[in-house]
Amino acid sequence: MIKAASRLDSGITALVLGFFAMMWFSWGQADAPRVLGTALAVGSVVALVVAVMGGIRAVRSRRTDGALNEPTARRQYGLVVGVESGCALVGTAVLGATGVGAYIPVWICAVVGLHFVPLASVLGAPPLRWLGAVVTAVAVGALLVGVSTGVAPGSVTGAGAGVALLAFAGLMLARPAPTPPAG
């Protein structure tokens, strides 16, 4: 079972990943065939429910310690997210300017996957490395599918990244409550 530092951390993680799973599922619907589009829409609703459940857990646990209570961790988190955002923006601009905008979701998916590697250390959550590997593999798969078939790369990244993020968010909600310290 995946262990987070606290119920607050698992709630926030489920909230954030559930929200972004919903976004990926929604993005994937843009060029998806009807059947896949329907499945992605259902995934969006499920991801929203998981995000809300994560938010409820986080609010109920707000008085507990979390991974980002330390100023150093907050700065490192901000740095990782800032670098991620900058890379995403630059890559998006280059892909858009060179006429291969259909691959923007692939680029964003790869950047998101890779950002989980340093976040695992910052947040004290080693399983985020596995999530990063899966999301990065989705980006590689979407690239290969996009260049070799008529399937839109955004549909592949939407479905793959959405499922990976939703599954991890669900695992965060399913983890047992930590035992309170004795004393």
Protein backbone atom coordinates (compact mmCIF):
# COMPACT_ATOMS: atom_id res chain seq x y z
CA MET A 1 0.00 0.00 0.00
CA ILE A 2 1.23 3.52 -0.73
CA LYS A 3 2.07 5.46 2.40
CA ALA A 4 2.01 9.23 2.60
CA ALA A 5 3.45 11.30 5.42
CA SER A 6 0.00 12.13 6.77
CA ARG A 7 -3.73 12.08 6.05
CA LEU A 8 -3.35 15.73 5.07
CA ASP A 9 -0.75 14.79 2.46
CA SER A 10 -2.84 11.92 1.10
CA GLY A 11 -5.90 14.18 0.91
CA ILE A 12 -4.05 16.95 -0.89
CA THR A 13 -2.42 14.42 -3.23
CA ALA A 14 -5.80 12.87 -4.06
CA LEU A 15 -7.29 16.34 -4.59
CA VAL A 16 -4.52 17.51 -6.93
CA LEU A 17 -4.13 14.27 -8.86
CA GLY A 18 -7.89 13.78 -9.12
CA PHE A 19 -8.26 17.31 -10.50
CA PHE A 20 -5.49 16.79 -13.06
CA ALA A 21 -6.85 13.35 -14.00
CA MET A 22 -10.15 15.10 -14.76
CA MET A 23 -8.28 17.64 -16.89
CA TRP A 24 -6.41 14.93 -18.82
CA PHE A 25 -9.61 12.97 -19.43
CA SER A 26 -11.25 16.16 -20.68
CA TRP A 27 -8.30 17.08 -22.92
CA GLY A 28 -8.34 13.57 -24.38
CA GLN A 29 -11.96 14.00 -25.48
CA ALA A 30 -11.06 16.69 -28.04
CA ASP A 31 -10.22 14.34 -30.92
CA ALA A 32 -11.36 11.01 -29.48
CA PRO A 33 -13.68 8.60 -31.26
CA ARG A 34 -17.18 8.61 -29.77
CA VAL A 35 -16.79 5.44 -27.67
CA LEU A 36 -13.49 6.61 -26.19
CA GLY A 37 -14.94 10.08 -25.69
CA THR A 38 -17.75 8.63 -23.60
CA ALA A 39 -15.29 6.61 -21.50
CA LEU A 40 -13.15 9.71 -21.01
CA ALA A 41 -16.21 11.70 -19.93
CA VAL A 42 -17.03 9.03 -17.33
CA GLY A 43 -13.38 9.13 -16.21
CA SER A 44 -13.67 12.89 -15.78
CA VAL A 45 -16.67 12.52 -13.48
CA VAL A 46 -15.00 9.79 -11.42
CA ALA A 47 -11.83 11.89 -11.16
CA LEU A 48 -13.87 14.86 -9.96
CA VAL A 49 -15.46 12.70 -7.25
CA VAL A 50 -12.01 11.50 -6.14
CA ALA A 51 -10.71 15.08 -6.11
CA VAL A 52 -13.64 16.20 -3.93
CA MET A 53 -13.07 13.27 -1.57
CA GLY A 54 -9.39 14.22 -1.35
CA GLY A 55 -10.35 17.80 -0.60
CA ILE A 56 -12.67 16.67 2.18
CA ARG A 57 -9.90 14.54 3.69
CA ALA A 58 -7.45 17.44 3.48
CA VAL A 59 -9.87 19.86 5.15
CA ARG A 60 -10.64 17.37 7.91
CA SER A 61 -6.90 16.82 8.47
CA ARG A 62 -5.75 20.42 8.10
CA ARG A 63 -4.41 20.59 11.65
CA THR A 64 -1.93 17.75 11.06
CA ASP A 65 1.60 18.07 9.77
CA GLY A 66 2.17 17.76 6.05
CA ALA A 67 5.15 17.44 3.76
CA LEU A 68 5.00 21.11 2.79
CA ASN A 69 4.95 22.47 6.34
CA GLU A 70 8.72 22.99 6.14
CA PRO A 71 9.82 26.20 4.38
CA THR A 72 12.62 24.35 2.55
CA ALA A 73 10.15 21.81 1.15
CA ARG A 74 7.82 24.61 0.02
CA ARG A 75 10.69 26.37 -1.78
CA GLN A 76 11.81 23.14 -3.45
CA TYR A 77 8.23 22.37 -4.45
CA GLY A 78 7.86 25.84 -5.96
CA LEU A 79 11.14 25.42 -7.84
CA VAL A 80 10.13 22.04 -9.30
CA VAL A 81 6.69 23.30 -10.35
CA GLY A 82 8.23 26.49 -11.76
CA VAL A 83 10.74 24.55 -13.88
CA GLU A 84 7.96 22.18 -14.97
CA SER A 85 5.73 25.08 -16.01
CA GLY A 86 8.55 26.82 -17.87
CA CYS A 87 9.47 23.66 -19.78
CA ALA A 88 5.83 23.02 -20.62
CA LEU A 89 5.37 26.57 -21.93
CA VAL A 90 8.55 26.62 -24.01
CA GLY A 91 7.83 23.21 -25.53
CA THR A 92 4.23 24.19 -26.25
CA ALA A 93 5.38 27.37 -27.99
CA VAL A 94 7.94 25.50 -30.10
CA LEU A 95 5.51 22.75 -31.11
CA GLY A 96 2.80 25.29 -31.93
CA ALA A 97 5.17 27.49 -33.93
CA THR A 98 6.52 24.55 -35.93
CA GLY A 99 3.08 23.30 -36.95
CA VAL A 100 3.00 20.13 -34.87
CA GLY A 101 0.56 21.32 -32.25
CA ALA A 102 -1.11 17.90 -32.16
CA TYR A 103 1.92 16.77 -30.12
CA ILE A 104 1.52 19.40 -27.42
CA PRO A 105 -0.31 16.91 -25.15
CA VAL A 106 2.58 14.47 -25.59
CA TRP A 107 5.10 17.11 -24.54
CA ILE A 108 3.02 18.21 -21.55
CA CYS A 109 2.52 14.58 -20.51
CA ALA A 110 6.28 13.92 -20.65
CA VAL A 111 7.06 17.03 -18.61
CA VAL A 112 4.41 16.13 -16.03
CA GLY A 113 5.76 12.58 -15.78
CA LEU A 114 9.32 13.76 -15.32
CA HIS A 115 8.38 16.33 -12.66
CA PHE A 116 7.20 13.55 -10.35
CA VAL A 117 10.79 12.30 -9.95
CA PRO A 118 12.09 15.32 -8.00
CA LEU A 119 8.71 15.80 -6.32
CA ALA A 120 9.02 12.32 -4.82
CA SER A 121 12.02 13.52 -2.80
CA VAL A 122 10.54 16.92 -1.95
CA LEU A 123 7.29 15.40 -0.70
CA GLY A 124 8.85 12.33 0.89
CA ALA A 125 6.68 10.10 -1.33
CA PRO A 126 8.89 7.63 -3.23
CA PRO A 127 5.89 6.04 -5.02
CA LEU A 128 5.57 9.26 -7.03
CA ARG A 129 8.61 8.01 -8.99
CA TRP A 130 6.50 5.09 -10.22
CA LEU A 131 3.70 7.44 -11.19
CA GLY A 132 6.26 9.57 -13.04
CA ALA A 133 7.55 6.53 -14.91
CA VAL A 134 4.02 5.51 -15.94
CA VAL A 135 3.01 9.01 -17.08
CA THR A 136 6.28 9.41 -19.01
CA ALA A 137 5.69 6.00 -20.64
CA VAL A 138 2.22 7.20 -21.66
CA ALA A 139 3.85 10.18 -23.40
CA VAL A 140 6.26 7.90 -25.27
CA GLY A 141 3.40 5.60 -26.26
CA ALA A 142 1.31 8.54 -27.44
CA LEU A 143 4.20 9.77 -29.56
CA LEU A 144 4.64 6.35 -31.16
CA VAL A 145 0.91 5.94 -31.74
CA GLY A 146 0.65 9.46 -33.14
CA VAL A 147 3.40 9.05 -35.71
CA SER A 148 2.42 5.52 -36.77
CA THR A 149 -1.41 5.62 -36.82
CA GLY A 150 -4.27 8.04 -37.32
CA VAL A 151 -5.08 8.12 -33.59
CA ALA A 152 -4.76 11.58 -32.06
CA PRO A 153 -1.86 11.73 -29.58
CA GLY A 154 -4.05 13.83 -27.29
CA SER A 155 -6.55 10.98 -27.00
CA VAL A 156 -3.78 8.60 -25.95
CA THR A 157 -2.29 10.99 -23.40
CA GLY A 158 -5.74 11.95 -22.11
CA ALA A 159 -6.71 8.36 -21.48
CA GLY A 160 -3.32 7.14 -20.25
CA ALA A 161 -2.36 10.04 -18.02
CA GLY A 162 -5.93 10.32 -16.73
CA VAL A 163 -6.03 6.65 -15.72
CA ALA A 164 -2.57 6.78 -14.10
CA LEU A 165 -3.31 9.91 -12.09
CA LEU A 166 -6.77 8.69 -11.09
CA ALA A 167 -5.43 5.31 -9.97
CA PHE A 168 -2.73 6.93 -7.83
CA ALA A 169 -5.23 9.40 -6.35
CA GLY A 170 -7.53 6.49 -5.50
CA LEU A 171 -4.67 4.65 -3.81
CA MET A 172 -3.98 7.74 -1.71
CA LEU A 173 -7.58 7.76 -0.53
CA ALA A 174 -7.56 4.02 0.16
CA ARG A 175 -4.52 4.07 2.39
CA PRO A 176 -5.17 3.41 6.07
CA ALA A 177 -5.01 6.22 8.59
CA PRO A 178 -1.59 6.50 10.23
CA THR A 179 -1.36 5.41 13.84
CA PRO A 180 -1.26 8.43 16.15
CA PRO A 181 1.95 8.80 18.15
CA ALA A 182 1.89 7.39 21.66
CA GLY A 183 2.06 9.77 24.54
